[in-house]
Amino acid sequence: MEIATIERMFPGRFFPGVGHGVLPWMEQAGVRAASPLTLMREYLPALRSLLAGEEVTVSGRYVSLDRVRLDWPPPAAPPVYSAGEGPKTLALTGELADGTILVSGFTPTQVGEHVRIVREAQSASGRSEDVIIVAYVTAAFGDGAEQRVSSELGDGEPVGERGVWGTPADVAGGVRRFAAVGVDAVILAPAAGEPDFLEFLRAVGEVARLA
């Protein structure tokens, strides 16, 4: 209902994303599913059908609906994205979601492997429409940019190409490396400790122009 309401308020501008949740967080909250993939397999089709205005009846392990239909579905259903990191979850997003969200912290080569898993699952499921693949990439600009990215992603190891930093031209070059492995869109996420978020947004706008 909330997704339908936001889509009706801002048609074509809302891109909802769902997943099985960060498992340690879900456990902390007491809502970790015993089978996260089963939860996603039941939840995603039900959500997409409801947003399309359909009446849904399902009886699953986690999702149970008896002739449920939205009273106010959006005129056009928004694309439902799903996040994934492990190979099984990524494959499920390629099979069931309109788009896949890739988390940050991976090199372009690793992201390319994630793209391959999604595309193969999409093809195996017989879907004709392309799954849109979005990758988050940690970024920083200006003084101390490399240090902020390293602090965010380091984990005691060299950051390498797992993040992007420097001038807008430098970052645009990094974005192109991710696009080259099959990503449809890159979302630049500020590293922790970003000193000036407004300036970060201005720099991202320049990256969009250059990339």
N, C-alpha and C. Protein backbone atom coordinates (compact mmCIF):
# COMPACT_ATOMS: atom_id res chain seq x y z
N MET A 1 0.83 -1.20 0.00
CA MET A 1 0.00 0.00 0.00
C MET A 1 0.86 1.26 0.00
N GLU A 2 1.94 1.23 0.79
CA GLU A 2 2.83 2.40 0.86
C GLU A 2 3.52 2.64 -0.48
N ILE A 3 3.98 1.56 -1.11
CA ILE A 3 4.63 1.70 -2.42
C ILE A 3 3.64 2.25 -3.43
N ALA A 4 2.42 1.73 -3.44
CA ALA A 4 1.41 2.21 -4.38
C ALA A 4 1.11 3.68 -4.15
N THR A 5 1.05 4.10 -2.90
CA THR A 5 0.75 5.51 -2.59
C THR A 5 1.85 6.43 -3.09
N ILE A 6 3.11 6.07 -2.82
CA ILE A 6 4.23 6.91 -3.27
C ILE A 6 4.27 6.97 -4.79
N GLU A 7 4.03 5.85 -5.45
CA GLU A 7 4.04 5.83 -6.91
C GLU A 7 2.93 6.72 -7.47
N ARG A 8 1.77 6.73 -6.83
CA ARG A 8 0.68 7.59 -7.30
C ARG A 8 1.03 9.07 -7.09
N MET A 9 1.76 9.37 -6.02
CA MET A 9 2.16 10.76 -5.75
C MET A 9 3.25 11.24 -6.70
N PHE A 10 4.17 10.34 -7.03
CA PHE A 10 5.33 10.71 -7.85
C PHE A 10 5.49 9.69 -8.98
N PRO A 11 4.55 9.65 -9.92
CA PRO A 11 4.56 8.60 -10.95
C PRO A 11 5.85 8.58 -11.77
N GLY A 12 6.39 7.38 -11.89
CA GLY A 12 7.58 7.19 -12.70
C GLY A 12 8.88 7.61 -12.05
N ARG A 13 8.80 8.07 -10.79
CA ARG A 13 10.02 8.55 -10.13
C ARG A 13 10.44 7.67 -8.96
N PHE A 14 9.66 6.64 -8.66
CA PHE A 14 9.92 5.82 -7.48
C PHE A 14 10.40 4.44 -7.93
N PHE A 15 11.51 3.99 -7.35
CA PHE A 15 12.10 2.71 -7.71
C PHE A 15 12.29 1.89 -6.43
N PRO A 16 11.25 1.21 -5.96
CA PRO A 16 11.36 0.48 -4.69
C PRO A 16 12.31 -0.70 -4.81
N GLY A 17 13.07 -0.93 -3.75
CA GLY A 17 13.97 -2.07 -3.69
C GLY A 17 13.73 -2.87 -2.43
N VAL A 18 13.70 -4.18 -2.55
CA VAL A 18 13.45 -5.05 -1.41
C VAL A 18 14.49 -6.17 -1.41
N GLY A 19 14.56 -6.89 -0.30
CA GLY A 19 15.47 -8.02 -0.20
C GLY A 19 15.14 -8.81 1.05
N HIS A 20 15.97 -9.80 1.36
CA HIS A 20 15.70 -10.58 2.57
C HIS A 20 16.31 -9.94 3.80
N GLY A 21 16.91 -8.77 3.65
CA GLY A 21 17.47 -8.07 4.81
C GLY A 21 18.88 -8.53 5.13
N VAL A 22 19.63 -7.66 5.80
CA VAL A 22 20.96 -8.04 6.28
C VAL A 22 20.75 -9.02 7.42
N LEU A 23 21.21 -10.24 7.24
CA LEU A 23 20.80 -11.31 8.14
C LEU A 23 21.16 -11.07 9.61
N PRO A 24 22.37 -10.55 9.94
CA PRO A 24 22.63 -10.27 11.36
C PRO A 24 21.67 -9.22 11.94
N TRP A 25 21.31 -8.22 11.12
CA TRP A 25 20.35 -7.21 11.59
C TRP A 25 18.98 -7.84 11.81
N MET A 26 18.57 -8.70 10.87
CA MET A 26 17.27 -9.34 11.00
C MET A 26 17.23 -10.22 12.25
N GLU A 27 18.36 -10.85 12.56
CA GLU A 27 18.41 -11.67 13.77
C GLU A 27 18.32 -10.81 15.02
N GLN A 28 19.01 -9.67 15.00
CA GLN A 28 18.92 -8.74 16.14
C GLN A 28 17.49 -8.30 16.40
N ALA A 29 16.73 -8.11 15.31
CA ALA A 29 15.34 -7.65 15.44
C ALA A 29 14.36 -8.79 15.68
N GLY A 30 14.88 -10.03 15.69
CA GLY A 30 14.03 -11.17 15.94
C GLY A 30 13.14 -11.57 14.78
N VAL A 31 13.53 -11.18 13.56
CA VAL A 31 12.69 -11.47 12.39
C VAL A 31 13.49 -12.16 11.27
N ARG A 32 14.60 -12.78 11.63
CA ARG A 32 15.38 -13.48 10.60
C ARG A 32 14.62 -14.72 10.14
N ALA A 33 14.46 -14.85 8.82
CA ALA A 33 13.76 -16.01 8.27
C ALA A 33 14.70 -17.21 8.24
N ALA A 34 14.14 -18.39 8.51
CA ALA A 34 14.95 -19.60 8.46
C ALA A 34 15.45 -19.86 7.05
N SER A 35 14.66 -19.47 6.05
CA SER A 35 15.06 -19.63 4.64
C SER A 35 14.85 -18.30 3.92
N PRO A 36 15.85 -17.41 3.94
CA PRO A 36 15.70 -16.10 3.31
C PRO A 36 15.36 -16.18 1.82
N LEU A 37 15.91 -17.16 1.12
CA LEU A 37 15.63 -17.28 -0.32
C LEU A 37 14.18 -17.68 -0.56
N THR A 38 13.64 -18.54 0.29
CA THR A 38 12.22 -18.90 0.16
C THR A 38 11.35 -17.67 0.38
N LEU A 39 11.71 -16.86 1.37
CA LEU A 39 10.97 -15.62 1.63
C LEU A 39 10.97 -14.73 0.38
N MET A 40 12.13 -14.53 -0.24
CA MET A 40 12.19 -13.70 -1.43
C MET A 40 11.41 -14.31 -2.59
N ARG A 41 11.51 -15.63 -2.75
CA ARG A 41 10.82 -16.30 -3.86
C ARG A 41 9.31 -16.15 -3.74
N GLU A 42 8.79 -16.09 -2.52
CA GLU A 42 7.35 -15.91 -2.32
C GLU A 42 6.96 -14.44 -2.36
N TYR A 43 7.81 -13.58 -1.81
CA TYR A 43 7.45 -12.18 -1.61
C TYR A 43 7.48 -11.38 -2.91
N LEU A 44 8.54 -11.55 -3.69
CA LEU A 44 8.71 -10.72 -4.89
C LEU A 44 7.56 -10.87 -5.89
N PRO A 45 7.18 -12.10 -6.28
CA PRO A 45 6.06 -12.22 -7.23
C PRO A 45 4.75 -11.66 -6.68
N ALA A 46 4.51 -11.87 -5.38
CA ALA A 46 3.27 -11.36 -4.78
C ALA A 46 3.25 -9.84 -4.81
N LEU A 47 4.37 -9.23 -4.48
CA LEU A 47 4.44 -7.76 -4.49
C LEU A 47 4.25 -7.21 -5.89
N ARG A 48 4.91 -7.78 -6.87
CA ARG A 48 4.79 -7.29 -8.24
C ARG A 48 3.36 -7.45 -8.76
N SER A 49 2.71 -8.56 -8.41
CA SER A 49 1.34 -8.78 -8.87
C SER A 49 0.37 -7.80 -8.22
N LEU A 50 0.55 -7.53 -6.94
CA LEU A 50 -0.32 -6.58 -6.26
C LEU A 50 -0.17 -5.18 -6.85
N LEU A 51 1.06 -4.77 -7.11
CA LEU A 51 1.29 -3.44 -7.67
C LEU A 51 0.74 -3.33 -9.09
N ALA A 52 0.61 -4.47 -9.77
CA ALA A 52 0.02 -4.48 -11.12
C ALA A 52 -1.50 -4.48 -11.07
N GLY A 53 -2.08 -4.44 -9.86
CA GLY A 53 -3.52 -4.38 -9.72
C GLY A 53 -4.21 -5.73 -9.74
N GLU A 54 -3.46 -6.81 -9.66
CA GLU A 54 -4.04 -8.14 -9.74
C GLU A 54 -4.55 -8.60 -8.37
N GLU A 55 -5.49 -9.53 -8.39
CA GLU A 55 -5.92 -10.20 -7.17
C GLU A 55 -5.00 -11.39 -6.93
N VAL A 56 -4.49 -11.51 -5.71
CA VAL A 56 -3.46 -12.50 -5.43
C VAL A 56 -3.94 -13.47 -4.35
N THR A 57 -3.83 -14.73 -4.62
CA THR A 57 -4.07 -15.78 -3.64
C THR A 57 -2.86 -16.71 -3.65
N VAL A 58 -2.16 -16.77 -2.55
CA VAL A 58 -1.01 -17.67 -2.42
C VAL A 58 -1.00 -18.24 -1.01
N SER A 59 -0.43 -19.41 -0.87
CA SER A 59 -0.28 -20.04 0.43
C SER A 59 1.12 -20.63 0.50
N GLY A 60 2.05 -19.85 1.04
CA GLY A 60 3.44 -20.27 1.08
C GLY A 60 3.94 -20.40 2.50
N ARG A 61 5.22 -20.58 2.60
CA ARG A 61 5.84 -20.71 3.93
C ARG A 61 5.82 -19.38 4.67
N TYR A 62 6.01 -18.28 3.92
CA TYR A 62 6.08 -16.97 4.56
C TYR A 62 4.99 -16.01 4.09
N VAL A 63 4.50 -16.18 2.88
CA VAL A 63 3.50 -15.28 2.32
C VAL A 63 2.19 -16.03 2.14
N SER A 64 1.15 -15.52 2.79
CA SER A 64 -0.17 -16.13 2.69
C SER A 64 -1.18 -15.03 2.41
N LEU A 65 -1.81 -15.07 1.24
CA LEU A 65 -2.77 -14.06 0.83
C LEU A 65 -4.02 -14.75 0.29
N ASP A 66 -5.18 -14.26 0.72
CA ASP A 66 -6.45 -14.84 0.30
C ASP A 66 -7.25 -13.78 -0.46
N ARG A 67 -7.18 -13.84 -1.80
CA ARG A 67 -7.92 -12.93 -2.67
C ARG A 67 -7.65 -11.46 -2.30
N VAL A 68 -6.38 -11.12 -2.19
CA VAL A 68 -5.97 -9.77 -1.82
C VAL A 68 -5.76 -8.94 -3.08
N ARG A 69 -6.32 -7.74 -3.09
CA ARG A 69 -6.13 -6.80 -4.19
C ARG A 69 -6.05 -5.40 -3.61
N LEU A 70 -5.18 -4.58 -4.15
CA LEU A 70 -5.09 -3.19 -3.70
C LEU A 70 -6.32 -2.41 -4.16
N ASP A 71 -6.91 -1.64 -3.25
CA ASP A 71 -8.02 -0.78 -3.64
C ASP A 71 -7.56 0.35 -4.56
N TRP A 72 -6.33 0.81 -4.34
CA TRP A 72 -5.81 1.93 -5.12
C TRP A 72 -4.44 1.57 -5.70
N PRO A 73 -4.41 0.66 -6.65
CA PRO A 73 -3.12 0.35 -7.28
C PRO A 73 -2.66 1.54 -8.12
N PRO A 74 -1.37 1.68 -8.34
CA PRO A 74 -0.90 2.77 -9.19
C PRO A 74 -1.34 2.55 -10.63
N PRO A 75 -1.54 3.62 -11.39
CA PRO A 75 -1.91 3.46 -12.80
C PRO A 75 -0.93 2.60 -13.58
N ALA A 76 0.34 2.72 -13.25
CA ALA A 76 1.39 1.87 -13.85
C ALA A 76 2.28 1.37 -12.72
N ALA A 77 2.46 0.07 -12.65
CA ALA A 77 3.25 -0.50 -11.56
C ALA A 77 4.71 -0.06 -11.67
N PRO A 78 5.32 0.38 -10.56
CA PRO A 78 6.75 0.72 -10.61
C PRO A 78 7.58 -0.54 -10.71
N PRO A 79 8.77 -0.45 -11.28
CA PRO A 79 9.66 -1.62 -11.31
C PRO A 79 10.12 -1.94 -9.89
N VAL A 80 10.10 -3.20 -9.54
CA VAL A 80 10.53 -3.63 -8.21
C VAL A 80 11.95 -4.18 -8.31
N TYR A 81 12.87 -3.52 -7.62
CA TYR A 81 14.27 -3.95 -7.59
C TYR A 81 14.50 -4.83 -6.36
N SER A 82 15.53 -5.66 -6.44
CA SER A 82 15.88 -6.49 -5.30
C SER A 82 17.39 -6.53 -5.15
N ALA A 83 17.86 -6.44 -3.91
CA ALA A 83 19.29 -6.44 -3.65
C ALA A 83 19.80 -7.86 -3.47
N GLY A 84 21.04 -8.06 -3.84
CA GLY A 84 21.65 -9.37 -3.67
C GLY A 84 23.15 -9.26 -3.59
N GLU A 85 23.77 -10.24 -2.92
CA GLU A 85 25.23 -10.28 -2.81
C GLU A 85 25.75 -11.67 -3.11
N GLY A 86 25.20 -12.68 -2.45
CA GLY A 86 25.62 -14.05 -2.72
C GLY A 86 25.08 -14.55 -4.05
N PRO A 87 25.69 -15.59 -4.63
CA PRO A 87 25.28 -16.06 -5.96
C PRO A 87 23.84 -16.54 -6.03
N LYS A 88 23.34 -17.21 -4.99
CA LYS A 88 21.96 -17.70 -5.02
C LYS A 88 20.97 -16.54 -4.99
N THR A 89 21.25 -15.54 -4.17
CA THR A 89 20.36 -14.38 -4.10
C THR A 89 20.40 -13.60 -5.39
N LEU A 90 21.59 -13.41 -5.95
CA LEU A 90 21.72 -12.70 -7.21
C LEU A 90 20.94 -13.41 -8.32
N ALA A 91 21.04 -14.72 -8.36
CA ALA A 91 20.31 -15.47 -9.39
C ALA A 91 18.81 -15.30 -9.22
N LEU A 92 18.35 -15.26 -7.97
CA LEU A 92 16.92 -15.10 -7.72
C LEU A 92 16.44 -13.73 -8.17
N THR A 93 17.26 -12.69 -7.99
CA THR A 93 16.86 -11.36 -8.48
C THR A 93 16.74 -11.36 -9.99
N GLY A 94 17.65 -12.07 -10.67
CA GLY A 94 17.57 -12.14 -12.13
C GLY A 94 16.34 -12.89 -12.60
N GLU A 95 15.88 -13.82 -11.80
CA GLU A 95 14.71 -14.62 -12.16
C GLU A 95 13.41 -13.89 -11.88
N LEU A 96 13.34 -13.10 -10.79
CA LEU A 96 12.04 -12.62 -10.31
C LEU A 96 11.87 -11.10 -10.27
N ALA A 97 12.96 -10.33 -10.13
CA ALA A 97 12.82 -8.89 -9.94
C ALA A 97 12.92 -8.14 -11.26
N ASP A 98 12.45 -6.88 -11.25
CA ASP A 98 12.61 -6.02 -12.42
C ASP A 98 14.02 -5.47 -12.51
N GLY A 99 14.69 -5.37 -11.37
CA GLY A 99 16.04 -4.84 -11.34
C GLY A 99 16.83 -5.44 -10.20
N THR A 100 18.15 -5.44 -10.33
CA THR A 100 19.04 -5.97 -9.29
C THR A 100 19.89 -4.84 -8.75
N ILE A 101 19.99 -4.76 -7.43
CA ILE A 101 20.84 -3.78 -6.76
C ILE A 101 22.09 -4.50 -6.25
N LEU A 102 23.26 -4.04 -6.68
CA LEU A 102 24.53 -4.61 -6.23
C LEU A 102 25.13 -3.70 -5.18
N VAL A 103 25.55 -4.28 -4.07
CA VAL A 103 26.09 -3.48 -2.97
C VAL A 103 27.52 -3.05 -3.31
N SER A 104 28.01 -2.06 -2.59
CA SER A 104 29.35 -1.53 -2.84
C SER A 104 30.41 -2.43 -2.22
N GLY A 105 31.66 -2.14 -2.56
CA GLY A 105 32.78 -2.86 -1.97
C GLY A 105 33.40 -3.92 -2.86
N PHE A 106 32.97 -3.98 -4.13
CA PHE A 106 33.50 -4.98 -5.06
C PHE A 106 34.23 -4.28 -6.20
N THR A 107 35.20 -4.98 -6.78
CA THR A 107 35.92 -4.45 -7.93
C THR A 107 35.05 -4.58 -9.17
N PRO A 108 35.38 -3.86 -10.26
CA PRO A 108 34.65 -4.05 -11.50
C PRO A 108 34.65 -5.51 -11.97
N THR A 109 35.77 -6.20 -11.79
CA THR A 109 35.82 -7.61 -12.20
C THR A 109 34.83 -8.45 -11.41
N GLN A 110 34.76 -8.22 -10.10
CA GLN A 110 33.80 -8.96 -9.27
C GLN A 110 32.37 -8.59 -9.64
N VAL A 111 32.14 -7.32 -9.88
CA VAL A 111 30.80 -6.88 -10.28
C VAL A 111 30.41 -7.51 -11.61
N GLY A 112 31.38 -7.64 -12.52
CA GLY A 112 31.10 -8.29 -13.79
C GLY A 112 30.64 -9.74 -13.60
N GLU A 113 31.20 -10.43 -12.61
CA GLU A 113 30.77 -11.79 -12.32
C GLU A 113 29.34 -11.79 -11.76
N HIS A 114 29.02 -10.80 -10.93
CA HIS A 114 27.66 -10.68 -10.42
C HIS A 114 26.67 -10.43 -11.56
N VAL A 115 27.06 -9.58 -12.49
CA VAL A 115 26.21 -9.31 -13.66
C VAL A 115 25.97 -10.59 -14.44
N ARG A 116 27.02 -11.38 -14.62
CA ARG A 116 26.89 -12.64 -15.36
C ARG A 116 25.87 -13.57 -14.69
N ILE A 117 25.92 -13.68 -13.37
CA ILE A 117 24.99 -14.55 -12.65
C ILE A 117 23.55 -14.08 -12.85
N VAL A 118 23.33 -12.77 -12.76
CA VAL A 118 21.98 -12.22 -12.93
C VAL A 118 21.48 -12.48 -14.35
N ARG A 119 22.32 -12.21 -15.34
CA ARG A 119 21.90 -12.38 -16.74
C ARG A 119 21.63 -13.85 -17.07
N GLU A 120 22.43 -14.74 -16.55
CA GLU A 120 22.21 -16.16 -16.82
C GLU A 120 20.90 -16.62 -16.20
N ALA A 121 20.60 -16.16 -14.98
CA ALA A 121 19.34 -16.53 -14.33
C ALA A 121 18.15 -15.95 -15.09
N GLN A 122 18.31 -14.73 -15.57
CA GLN A 122 17.25 -14.09 -16.36
C GLN A 122 16.97 -14.92 -17.61
N SER A 123 18.02 -15.34 -18.29
CA SER A 123 17.87 -16.11 -19.51
C SER A 123 17.26 -17.48 -19.23
N ALA A 124 17.73 -18.13 -18.16
CA ALA A 124 17.24 -19.47 -17.83
C ALA A 124 15.78 -19.47 -17.45
N SER A 125 15.29 -18.36 -16.91
CA SER A 125 13.89 -18.27 -16.50
C SER A 125 12.97 -17.95 -17.67
N GLY A 126 13.56 -17.68 -18.84
CA GLY A 126 12.76 -17.40 -20.03
C GLY A 126 12.22 -16.00 -20.12
N ARG A 127 12.75 -15.09 -19.30
CA ARG A 127 12.28 -13.70 -19.32
C ARG A 127 12.84 -12.99 -20.54
N SER A 128 11.98 -12.25 -21.22
CA SER A 128 12.42 -11.52 -22.40
C SER A 128 12.90 -10.11 -22.07
N GLU A 129 12.33 -9.52 -21.00
CA GLU A 129 12.73 -8.16 -20.66
C GLU A 129 14.02 -8.19 -19.84
N ASP A 130 14.87 -7.20 -20.08
CA ASP A 130 16.14 -7.13 -19.36
C ASP A 130 15.94 -6.69 -17.92
N VAL A 131 16.63 -7.36 -17.01
CA VAL A 131 16.71 -6.91 -15.63
C VAL A 131 17.68 -5.73 -15.59
N ILE A 132 17.25 -4.63 -15.00
CA ILE A 132 18.12 -3.46 -14.88
C ILE A 132 19.07 -3.67 -13.70
N ILE A 133 20.36 -3.54 -13.93
CA ILE A 133 21.36 -3.79 -12.88
C ILE A 133 21.97 -2.47 -12.43
N VAL A 134 21.84 -2.22 -11.14
CA VAL A 134 22.34 -0.98 -10.52
C VAL A 134 23.43 -1.35 -9.52
N ALA A 135 24.55 -0.66 -9.58
CA ALA A 135 25.65 -0.92 -8.66
C ALA A 135 25.93 0.31 -7.80
N TYR A 136 25.96 0.11 -6.49
CA TYR A 136 26.43 1.16 -5.59
C TYR A 136 27.96 1.12 -5.55
N VAL A 137 28.57 2.30 -5.60
CA VAL A 137 30.02 2.40 -5.54
C VAL A 137 30.37 3.53 -4.58
N THR A 138 31.23 3.23 -3.61
CA THR A 138 31.64 4.24 -2.63
C THR A 138 32.57 5.25 -3.30
N ALA A 139 32.31 6.53 -3.04
CA ALA A 139 33.06 7.59 -3.72
C ALA A 139 33.39 8.72 -2.75
N ALA A 140 34.45 9.46 -3.09
CA ALA A 140 34.81 10.66 -2.33
C ALA A 140 35.57 11.60 -3.24
N PHE A 141 35.46 12.89 -2.95
CA PHE A 141 36.11 13.93 -3.74
C PHE A 141 36.94 14.82 -2.83
N GLY A 142 37.91 15.50 -3.43
CA GLY A 142 38.64 16.54 -2.73
C GLY A 142 39.69 16.01 -1.76
N ASP A 143 40.07 16.88 -0.81
CA ASP A 143 41.12 16.54 0.15
C ASP A 143 40.71 15.34 1.01
N GLY A 144 41.65 14.41 1.15
CA GLY A 144 41.41 13.23 1.99
C GLY A 144 40.47 12.21 1.40
N ALA A 145 40.17 12.33 0.09
CA ALA A 145 39.17 11.46 -0.53
C ALA A 145 39.60 9.99 -0.46
N GLU A 146 40.84 9.71 -0.83
CA GLU A 146 41.29 8.32 -0.83
C GLU A 146 41.25 7.74 0.59
N GLN A 147 41.63 8.54 1.56
CA GLN A 147 41.62 8.06 2.95
C GLN A 147 40.21 7.73 3.41
N ARG A 148 39.23 8.55 3.03
CA ARG A 148 37.84 8.29 3.45
C ARG A 148 37.32 7.00 2.81
N VAL A 149 37.63 6.80 1.53
CA VAL A 149 37.20 5.56 0.87
C VAL A 149 37.89 4.36 1.50
N SER A 150 39.18 4.49 1.80
CA SER A 150 39.92 3.39 2.42
C SER A 150 39.35 3.04 3.79
N SER A 151 38.99 4.07 4.56
CA SER A 151 38.39 3.83 5.87
C SER A 151 37.06 3.11 5.75
N GLU A 152 36.32 3.43 4.70
CA GLU A 152 35.01 2.82 4.49
C GLU A 152 35.12 1.37 4.04
N LEU A 153 36.08 1.08 3.15
CA LEU A 153 36.13 -0.23 2.50
C LEU A 153 37.35 -1.06 2.84
N GLY A 154 38.30 -0.47 3.56
CA GLY A 154 39.59 -1.12 3.71
C GLY A 154 39.58 -2.51 4.28
N ASP A 155 38.98 -2.69 5.45
CA ASP A 155 38.98 -4.00 6.11
C ASP A 155 40.39 -4.58 6.21
N GLY A 156 41.39 -3.69 6.34
CA GLY A 156 42.76 -4.16 6.45
C GLY A 156 43.40 -4.55 5.14
N GLU A 157 42.66 -4.40 4.02
CA GLU A 157 43.19 -4.75 2.70
C GLU A 157 43.22 -3.53 1.80
N PRO A 158 44.08 -3.52 0.79
CA PRO A 158 44.08 -2.39 -0.14
C PRO A 158 42.72 -2.24 -0.83
N VAL A 159 42.31 -1.01 -1.01
CA VAL A 159 41.00 -0.76 -1.61
C VAL A 159 41.02 -1.07 -3.10
N GLY A 160 42.13 -0.75 -3.77
CA GLY A 160 42.21 -1.01 -5.20
C GLY A 160 41.09 -0.32 -5.96
N GLU A 161 40.36 -1.08 -6.78
CA GLU A 161 39.28 -0.53 -7.60
C GLU A 161 37.91 -0.72 -6.96
N ARG A 162 37.87 -1.04 -5.67
CA ARG A 162 36.58 -1.26 -5.02
C ARG A 162 35.84 0.04 -4.72
N GLY A 163 36.52 1.15 -4.82
CA GLY A 163 35.89 2.46 -4.65
C GLY A 163 36.49 3.43 -5.64
N VAL A 164 35.94 4.64 -5.68
CA VAL A 164 36.44 5.67 -6.60
C VAL A 164 36.63 6.96 -5.83
N TRP A 165 37.65 7.72 -6.20
CA TRP A 165 37.93 8.97 -5.50
C TRP A 165 38.76 9.89 -6.37
N GLY A 166 38.86 11.13 -5.93
CA GLY A 166 39.68 12.12 -6.63
C GLY A 166 38.84 13.23 -7.22
N THR A 167 39.23 13.71 -8.39
CA THR A 167 38.48 14.75 -9.08
C THR A 167 37.25 14.13 -9.74
N PRO A 168 36.27 14.94 -10.17
CA PRO A 168 35.15 14.37 -10.93
C PRO A 168 35.60 13.58 -12.15
N ALA A 169 36.67 14.02 -12.81
CA ALA A 169 37.18 13.28 -13.97
C ALA A 169 37.72 11.91 -13.56
N ASP A 170 38.44 11.87 -12.41
CA ASP A 170 38.95 10.60 -11.90
C ASP A 170 37.79 9.64 -11.60
N VAL A 171 36.77 10.16 -10.92
CA VAL A 171 35.63 9.33 -10.53
C VAL A 171 34.85 8.88 -11.76
N ALA A 172 34.72 9.77 -12.75
CA ALA A 172 34.03 9.39 -13.99
C ALA A 172 34.75 8.23 -14.67
N GLY A 173 36.07 8.22 -14.63
CA GLY A 173 36.81 7.10 -15.18
C GLY A 173 36.50 5.80 -14.46
N GLY A 174 36.37 5.88 -13.13
CA GLY A 174 36.00 4.70 -12.36
C GLY A 174 34.60 4.22 -12.69
N VAL A 175 33.67 5.15 -12.86
CA VAL A 175 32.30 4.79 -13.22
C VAL A 175 32.28 4.05 -14.55
N ARG A 176 33.08 4.51 -15.49
CA ARG A 176 33.12 3.86 -16.80
C ARG A 176 33.62 2.42 -16.70
N ARG A 177 34.51 2.15 -15.74
CA ARG A 177 35.00 0.78 -15.56
C ARG A 177 33.87 -0.14 -15.10
N PHE A 178 32.98 0.35 -14.26
CA PHE A 178 31.84 -0.45 -13.83
C PHE A 178 30.82 -0.62 -14.95
N ALA A 179 30.62 0.44 -15.72
CA ALA A 179 29.69 0.35 -16.85
C ALA A 179 30.20 -0.66 -17.87
N ALA A 180 31.51 -0.77 -18.01
CA ALA A 180 32.08 -1.65 -19.02
C ALA A 180 31.83 -3.13 -18.74
N VAL A 181 31.51 -3.48 -17.48
CA VAL A 181 31.27 -4.89 -17.15
C VAL A 181 29.78 -5.22 -17.15
N GLY A 182 28.95 -4.29 -17.65
CA GLY A 182 27.54 -4.60 -17.84
C GLY A 182 26.57 -3.97 -16.89
N VAL A 183 27.03 -3.08 -16.02
CA VAL A 183 26.13 -2.39 -15.10
C VAL A 183 25.35 -1.32 -15.88
N ASP A 184 24.05 -1.24 -15.63
CA ASP A 184 23.23 -0.25 -16.34
C ASP A 184 23.28 1.12 -15.69
N ALA A 185 23.47 1.18 -14.38
CA ALA A 185 23.52 2.47 -13.68
C ALA A 185 24.42 2.33 -12.46
N VAL A 186 25.17 3.38 -12.18
CA VAL A 186 26.05 3.43 -11.00
C VAL A 186 25.53 4.51 -10.07
N ILE A 187 25.36 4.14 -8.81
CA ILE A 187 24.97 5.11 -7.78
C ILE A 187 26.19 5.35 -6.90
N LEU A 188 26.66 6.59 -6.87
CA LEU A 188 27.82 6.93 -6.06
C LEU A 188 27.36 7.22 -4.63
N ALA A 189 27.88 6.44 -3.69
CA ALA A 189 27.53 6.58 -2.28
C ALA A 189 28.67 7.26 -1.54
N PRO A 190 28.40 8.31 -0.76
CA PRO A 190 29.48 9.00 -0.06
C PRO A 190 30.11 8.12 1.00
N ALA A 191 31.43 8.19 1.10
CA ALA A 191 32.13 7.46 2.15
C ALA A 191 31.80 8.06 3.51
N ALA A 192 31.91 7.26 4.53
CA ALA A 192 31.68 7.75 5.89
C ALA A 192 32.63 8.90 6.19
N GLY A 193 32.11 9.92 6.86
CA GLY A 193 32.93 11.08 7.18
C GLY A 193 32.95 12.13 6.11
N GLU A 194 32.06 12.02 5.11
CA GLU A 194 31.98 13.04 4.06
C GLU A 194 31.75 14.41 4.70
N PRO A 195 32.67 15.38 4.48
CA PRO A 195 32.57 16.65 5.19
C PRO A 195 31.55 17.63 4.62
N ASP A 196 31.16 17.47 3.36
CA ASP A 196 30.28 18.45 2.73
C ASP A 196 29.39 17.72 1.74
N PHE A 197 28.20 17.31 2.19
CA PHE A 197 27.34 16.50 1.34
C PHE A 197 26.84 17.29 0.13
N LEU A 198 26.57 18.58 0.29
CA LEU A 198 26.12 19.38 -0.84
C LEU A 198 27.19 19.45 -1.91
N GLU A 199 28.44 19.62 -1.50
CA GLU A 199 29.54 19.65 -2.46
C GLU A 199 29.70 18.28 -3.11
N PHE A 200 29.47 17.21 -2.35
CA PHE A 200 29.50 15.86 -2.92
C PHE A 200 28.48 15.73 -4.04
N LEU A 201 27.27 16.22 -3.81
CA LEU A 201 26.22 16.15 -4.83
C LEU A 201 26.60 16.96 -6.06
N ARG A 202 27.20 18.12 -5.87
CA ARG A 202 27.64 18.92 -7.02
C ARG A 202 28.68 18.16 -7.84
N ALA A 203 29.61 17.50 -7.14
CA ALA A 203 30.65 16.75 -7.84
C ALA A 203 30.06 15.56 -8.58
N VAL A 204 29.05 14.91 -7.97
CA VAL A 204 28.38 13.79 -8.64
C VAL A 204 27.71 14.26 -9.93
N GLY A 205 27.10 15.45 -9.88
CA GLY A 205 26.52 16.00 -11.09
C GLY A 205 27.53 16.19 -12.20
N GLU A 206 28.73 16.61 -11.83
CA GLU A 206 29.80 16.78 -12.82
C GLU A 206 30.25 15.41 -13.35
N VAL A 207 30.30 14.40 -12.49
CA VAL A 207 30.64 13.05 -12.93
C VAL A 207 29.62 12.57 -13.96
N ALA A 208 28.33 12.82 -13.69
CA ALA A 208 27.28 12.39 -14.62
C ALA A 208 27.48 13.03 -15.99
N ARG A 209 27.91 14.28 -16.00
CA ARG A 209 28.16 14.96 -17.26
C ARG A 209 29.34 14.36 -18.01
N LEU A 210 30.38 13.96 -17.26
CA LEU A 210 31.60 13.46 -17.87
C LEU A 210 31.53 11.98 -18.26
N ALA A 211 30.79 11.20 -17.48
CA ALA A 211 30.78 9.75 -17.68
C ALA A 211 29.87 9.37 -18.83
